[in-house]
C-alpha atoms as a PDB file:
ATOM      1  CA  GLN A   1      28.885   4.922  -7.342  1.00  0.00           C
ATOM      2  CA  VAL A   2      26.265   7.480  -6.364  1.00  0.00           C
ATOM      3  CA  GLN A   3      22.684   6.381  -6.022  1.00  0.00           C
ATOM      4  CA  LEU A   4      19.522   8.379  -5.369  1.00  0.00           C
ATOM      5  CA  VAL A   5      16.705   6.258  -3.985  1.00  0.00           C
ATOM      6  CA  GLU A   6      13.198   7.717  -4.131  1.00  0.00           C
ATOM      7  CA  SER A   7      10.008   6.647  -2.407  1.00  0.00           C
ATOM      8  CA  GLY A   8       6.583   7.945  -1.438  1.00  0.00           C
ATOM      9  CA  GLY A   9       4.693   8.268  -4.708  1.00  0.00           C
ATOM     10  CA  GLY A  10       1.182   6.987  -5.203  1.00  0.00           C
ATOM     11  CA  LEU A  11      -2.426   7.701  -6.091  1.00  0.00           C
ATOM     12  CA  VAL A  12      -4.404  10.236  -4.074  1.00  0.00           C
ATOM     13  CA  GLN A  13      -7.586  12.245  -4.430  1.00  0.00           C
ATOM     14  CA  ALA A  14      -7.548  15.979  -4.997  1.00  0.00           C
ATOM     15  CA  GLY A  15      -6.900  17.770  -1.722  1.00  0.00           C
ATOM     16  CA  GLY A  16      -4.875  14.899  -0.317  1.00  0.00           C
ATOM     17  CA  SER A  17      -1.234  14.725   0.699  1.00  0.00           C
ATOM     18  CA  LEU A  18       1.895  12.735  -0.077  1.00  0.00           C
ATOM     19  CA  ARG A  19       5.447  12.843   1.208  1.00  0.00           C
ATOM     20  CA  LEU A  20       8.338  11.986  -1.083  1.00  0.00           C
ATOM     21  CA  SER A  21      11.807  11.102   0.113  1.00  0.00           C
ATOM     22  CA  CYS A  22      15.153  10.844  -1.640  1.00  0.00           C
ATOM     23  CA  ALA A  23      18.311   9.453  -0.077  1.00  0.00           C
ATOM     24  CA  ALA A  24      21.710   9.902  -1.700  1.00  0.00           C
ATOM     25  CA  SER A  25      24.368   7.304  -1.016  1.00  0.00           C
ATOM     26  CA  GLY A  26      27.986   6.867  -2.026  1.00  0.00           C
ATOM     27  CA  ASN A  27      31.336   8.434  -1.245  1.00  0.00           C
ATOM     28  CA  ILE A  28      29.953  11.958  -1.281  1.00  0.00           C
ATOM     29  CA  PHE A  29      32.178  14.855  -0.285  1.00  0.00           C
ATOM     30  CA  ARG A  30      29.672  17.661  -0.651  1.00  0.00           C
ATOM     31  CA  ILE A  31      26.184  18.255  -1.989  1.00  0.00           C
ATOM     32  CA  ASN A  32      25.904  21.511  -3.902  1.00  0.00           C
ATOM     33  CA  THR A  33      22.185  21.470  -4.641  1.00  0.00           C
ATOM     34  CA  MET A  34      19.428  18.940  -4.130  1.00  0.00           C
ATOM     35  CA  GLY A  35      15.764  19.004  -5.007  1.00  0.00           C
ATOM     36  CA  TRP A  36      12.790  17.750  -6.968  1.00  0.00           C
ATOM     37  CA  TYR A  37      11.696  17.995 -10.594  1.00  0.00           C
ATOM     38  CA  ARG A  38       8.606  16.639 -12.297  1.00  0.00           C
ATOM     39  CA  GLN A  39       7.446  15.820 -15.790  1.00  0.00           C
ATOM     40  CA  ALA A  40       3.800  15.457 -16.772  1.00  0.00           C
ATOM     41  CA  PRO A  41       2.620  13.794 -19.988  1.00  0.00           C
ATOM     42  CA  GLY A  42       3.093  16.131 -22.939  1.00  0.00           C
ATOM     43  CA  LYS A  43       4.972  18.700 -20.874  1.00  0.00           C
ATOM     44  CA  GLN A  44       8.588  19.584 -20.274  1.00  0.00           C
ATOM     45  CA  ARG A  45      10.410  18.728 -17.089  1.00  0.00           C
ATOM     46  CA  GLU A  46      10.162  21.497 -14.519  1.00  0.00           C
ATOM     47  CA  LEU A  47      11.678  22.398 -11.189  1.00  0.00           C
ATOM     48  CA  VAL A  48       9.331  21.812  -8.279  1.00  0.00           C
ATOM     49  CA  ALA A  49      11.445  22.660  -5.238  1.00  0.00           C
ATOM     50  CA  ALA A  50      15.141  22.657  -4.432  1.00  0.00           C
ATOM     51  CA  PHE A  51      17.824  23.689  -1.999  1.00  0.00           C
ATOM     52  CA  THR A  52      20.410  26.051  -3.434  1.00  0.00           C
ATOM     53  CA  SER A  53      24.122  25.859  -2.738  1.00  0.00           C
ATOM     54  CA  GLY A  54      23.573  28.462  -0.033  1.00  0.00           C
ATOM     55  CA  GLY A  55      20.987  26.348   1.759  1.00  0.00           C
ATOM     56  CA  ARG A  56      17.983  28.397   0.700  1.00  0.00           C
ATOM     57  CA  THR A  57      14.903  27.050  -1.031  1.00  0.00           C
ATOM     58  CA  ASN A  58      13.334  27.680  -4.414  1.00  0.00           C
ATOM     59  CA  TYR A  59       9.780  26.707  -5.335  1.00  0.00           C
ATOM     60  CA  ALA A  60       7.807  26.698  -8.531  1.00  0.00           C
ATOM     61  CA  ASP A  61       5.043  29.295  -8.392  1.00  0.00           C
ATOM     62  CA  SER A  62       2.459  26.575  -8.945  1.00  0.00           C
ATOM     63  CA  VAL A  63       3.354  24.791  -5.687  1.00  0.00           C
ATOM     64  CA  LYS A  64       4.144  27.666  -3.333  1.00  0.00           C
ATOM     65  CA  GLY A  65       2.097  27.446  -0.173  1.00  0.00           C
ATOM     66  CA  ARG A  66       1.260  23.792  -0.798  1.00  0.00           C
ATOM     67  CA  PHE A  67       4.604  21.969  -1.015  1.00  0.00           C
ATOM     68  CA  THR A  68       7.467  22.073   1.470  1.00  0.00           C
ATOM     69  CA  ILE A  69      10.989  20.803   0.889  1.00  0.00           C
ATOM     70  CA  SER A  70      13.133  19.733   3.836  1.00  0.00           C
ATOM     71  CA  ARG A  71      16.377  17.847   4.362  1.00  0.00           C
ATOM     72  CA  ASP A  72      18.399  15.714   6.715  1.00  0.00           C
ATOM     73  CA  ASN A  73      21.995  16.708   6.026  1.00  0.00           C
ATOM     74  CA  ALA A  74      23.506  13.944   8.160  1.00  0.00           C
ATOM     75  CA  ASN A  75      21.835  11.308   5.989  1.00  0.00           C
ATOM     76  CA  ASN A  76      21.958  13.139   2.641  1.00  0.00           C
ATOM     77  CA  THR A  77      18.195  12.929   2.404  1.00  0.00           C
ATOM     78  CA  VAL A  78      15.677  15.390   1.013  1.00  0.00           C
ATOM     79  CA  TYR A  79      11.907  15.299   1.455  1.00  0.00           C
ATOM     80  CA  LEU A  80       8.970  16.866  -0.329  1.00  0.00           C
ATOM     81  CA  GLN A  81       5.762  17.277   1.642  1.00  0.00           C
ATOM     82  CA  MET A  82       2.913  17.798  -0.816  1.00  0.00           C
ATOM     83  CA  ASN A  83      -0.386  19.086   0.547  1.00  0.00           C
ATOM     84  CA  SER A  84      -3.599  20.210  -1.130  1.00  0.00           C
ATOM     85  CA  LEU A  85      -2.729  18.179  -4.192  1.00  0.00           C
ATOM     86  CA  LYS A  86      -4.387  19.033  -7.482  1.00  0.00           C
ATOM     87  CA  PRO A  87      -4.895  16.951 -10.636  1.00  0.00           C
ATOM     88  CA  GLU A  88      -2.366  19.168 -12.401  1.00  0.00           C
ATOM     89  CA  ASP A  89       0.273  17.922  -9.949  1.00  0.00           C
ATOM     90  CA  THR A  90       0.086  14.524 -11.629  1.00  0.00           C
ATOM     91  CA  ALA A  91       3.554  13.710 -12.964  1.00  0.00           C
ATOM     92  CA  VAL A  92       6.633  11.603 -12.511  1.00  0.00           C
ATOM     93  CA  TYR A  93       8.724  13.216  -9.798  1.00  0.00           C
ATOM     94  CA  TYR A  94      12.507  12.984 -10.014  1.00  0.00           C
ATOM     95  CA  CYS A  95      15.053  13.661  -7.321  1.00  0.00           C
ATOM     96  CA  ASN A  96      18.116  15.583  -8.474  1.00  0.00           C
ATOM     97  CA  ALA A  97      21.430  16.275  -6.803  1.00  0.00           C
ATOM     98  CA  ASN A  98      24.525  18.133  -7.893  1.00  0.00           C
ATOM     99  CA  LEU A  99      27.362  16.790  -5.798  1.00  0.00           C
ATOM    100  CA  PHE A 100      31.071  16.088  -5.556  1.00  0.00           C
ATOM    101  CA  VAL A 101      32.351  12.557  -5.152  1.00  0.00           C
ATOM    102  CA  TYR A 102      35.792  11.854  -3.675  1.00  0.00           C
ATOM    103  CA  GLY A 103      38.258  11.283  -6.491  1.00  0.00           C
ATOM    104  CA  SER A 104      35.801  12.510  -9.106  1.00  0.00           C
ATOM    105  CA  SER A 105      34.191  15.856  -9.907  1.00  0.00           C
ATOM    106  CA  TRP A 106      30.990  17.842  -9.639  1.00  0.00           C
ATOM    107  CA  SER A 107      28.174  15.998 -11.393  1.00  0.00           C
ATOM    108  CA  ASP A 108      24.392  15.848 -11.636  1.00  0.00           C
ATOM    109  CA  TYR A 109      22.627  12.706 -10.488  1.00  0.00           C
ATOM    110  CA  TRP A 110      19.003  11.676 -10.882  1.00  0.00           C
ATOM    111  CA  GLY A 111      16.677   9.309  -9.124  1.00  0.00           C
ATOM    112  CA  GLN A 112      14.677   6.764 -11.065  1.00  0.00           C
ATOM    113  CA  GLY A 113      11.446   8.706 -10.606  1.00  0.00           C
ATOM    114  CA  THR A 114       8.256   8.083  -8.685  1.00  0.00           C
ATOM    115  CA  GLN A 115       4.734   8.443 -10.071  1.00  0.00           C
ATOM    116  CA  VAL A 116       2.327  10.833  -8.374  1.00  0.00           C
ATOM    117  CA  THR A 117      -1.263  10.661  -9.600  1.00  0.00           C
ATOM    118  CA  VAL A 118      -3.972  12.976  -8.290  1.00  0.00           C
ATOM    119  CA  SER A 119      -7.537  12.080  -9.209  1.00  0.00           C
ATOM    120  CA  SER A 120     -10.554  14.374  -9.403  1.00  0.00           C
END
């Protein structure tokens, strides 16, 4: 019933920028947390940036000062502006949301993932 639709990935050169978006749809009562994770080849999935339940932001140390997470609460959409991209940012980026659906319970939902490739 809940769907997270991601867009904005692509191939860029080092130093370039990309903007990812993720829109959550469905009979959503409340979003607890929402943010972005990534997984590079041979590495574990890691948190990139997220909004906490209190509306504050958390960033991975590796992206602080370069990435900015924002949201549009009215449309249940979260964005990730990625500047000064580095080859080590290359990964599949996944949108994540912990939310409550009417008639259901609190659950984690994931987007399908979007590939970000940064060339040297």
